[in-house]
Protein backbone atom coordinates (compact mmCIF):
# COMPACT_ATOMS: atom_id res chain seq x y z
CA MET A 1 0.00 0.00 0.00
CA GLY A 2 2.87 2.39 0.67
CA ASN A 3 4.14 2.22 -2.90
CA ALA A 4 0.69 2.76 -4.41
CA ALA A 5 -0.02 5.73 -2.14
CA TYR A 6 3.40 7.19 -2.92
CA GLY A 7 2.77 6.88 -6.67
CA ALA A 8 -0.62 8.56 -6.33
CA GLY A 9 0.90 11.39 -4.32
CA LEU A 10 3.67 11.98 -6.84
CA ALA A 11 1.23 11.89 -9.77
CA LEU A 12 -1.05 14.45 -8.12
CA LEU A 13 1.89 16.68 -7.25
CA MET A 14 3.24 16.58 -10.79
CA ALA A 15 -0.23 17.26 -12.26
CA GLY A 16 -0.18 20.61 -10.46
CA GLY A 17 -2.94 22.36 -8.58
CA ARG A 18 -3.63 19.37 -6.31
CA GLU A 19 -0.89 19.79 -3.73
CA ASP A 20 -3.14 19.26 -0.69
CA GLU A 21 -4.48 16.00 -2.08
CA ALA A 22 -0.93 14.94 -3.00
CA ARG A 23 0.24 15.57 0.57
CA GLU A 24 -2.56 13.37 1.91
CA TRP A 25 -1.41 10.49 -0.29
CA LEU A 26 2.25 11.04 0.56
CA ASP A 27 1.37 11.08 4.27
CA ARG A 28 -0.57 7.85 3.78
CA ALA A 29 2.45 6.25 2.09
CA ALA A 30 4.79 7.29 4.89
CA GLY A 31 2.36 5.96 7.47
CA ARG A 32 2.10 2.56 5.81
CA TRP A 33 5.87 2.23 5.55
CA ARG A 34 6.36 3.23 9.19
CA GLU A 35 3.69 0.74 10.32
CA SER A 36 5.27 -2.15 8.45
CA TRP A 37 8.88 -1.42 9.40
CA GLU A 38 8.70 -3.38 12.66
CA HIS A 39 8.07 -6.52 10.60
CA ALA A 40 11.10 -5.99 8.36
CA ALA A 41 14.50 -7.61 8.71
CA PRO A 42 16.98 -5.58 10.82
CA ASP A 43 19.03 -4.68 7.75
CA ALA A 44 16.03 -3.70 5.58
CA TRP A 45 15.97 0.06 5.21
CA GLY A 46 13.56 0.59 2.31
CA ARG A 47 10.56 1.39 4.51
CA PRO A 48 12.11 4.14 6.66
CA ILE A 49 13.86 5.65 3.65
CA GLY A 50 10.58 5.61 1.70
CA ALA A 51 8.77 7.22 4.64
CA LEU A 52 11.44 9.88 4.88
CA LYS A 53 11.26 10.64 1.15
CA ALA A 54 7.46 10.87 1.23
CA GLU A 55 7.52 13.22 4.21
CA LEU A 56 10.21 15.42 2.63
CA ILE A 57 8.29 15.72 -0.63
CA ALA A 58 5.10 16.49 1.31
CA GLY A 59 6.95 19.28 3.14
CA ARG A 60 6.52 17.76 6.61
CA LYS A 61 9.69 18.86 8.40
CA PRO A 62 8.59 17.92 11.94
CA THR A 63 7.66 14.46 10.73
CA VAL A 64 10.98 14.13 8.91
CA GLU A 65 12.77 14.88 12.17
CA ARG A 66 10.64 12.26 13.93
CA VAL A 67 11.31 9.63 11.25
CA THR A 68 15.04 10.39 11.35
CA LYS A 69 15.03 9.93 15.12
CA LEU A 70 13.12 6.67 14.74
CA VAL A 71 15.64 5.34 12.23
CA THR A 72 18.67 6.22 14.32
CA ASN A 73 17.29 5.24 17.74
CA GLU A 74 15.16 2.15 17.26
CA ARG A 75 17.73 0.01 15.51
CA ASP A 76 21.14 -0.91 16.87
CA HIS A 77 22.77 0.66 13.82
CA VAL A 78 22.08 3.43 11.38
CA VAL A 79 21.59 3.29 7.66
CA GLY A 80 24.82 2.35 5.87
CA SER A 81 26.76 1.34 8.97
CA ARG A 82 27.08 -2.33 8.02
């Protein structure tokens, strides 16, 4: 669901004039990726990176800071440290 929501958000953003609707879809994508991350392997970073990208594109700086903290604090390593 995260990938589909992300694609919808990007398409709406690129179409122009539908930025609010695009942000809703990008937020939905980020939420799905964050929810499913706990079920991923410890070295699987696609979900938090996808969530971070979606939040950045949606212009959600406070959420980006929260996601960054989640990524660096909830795992015993950070992205790229292995």
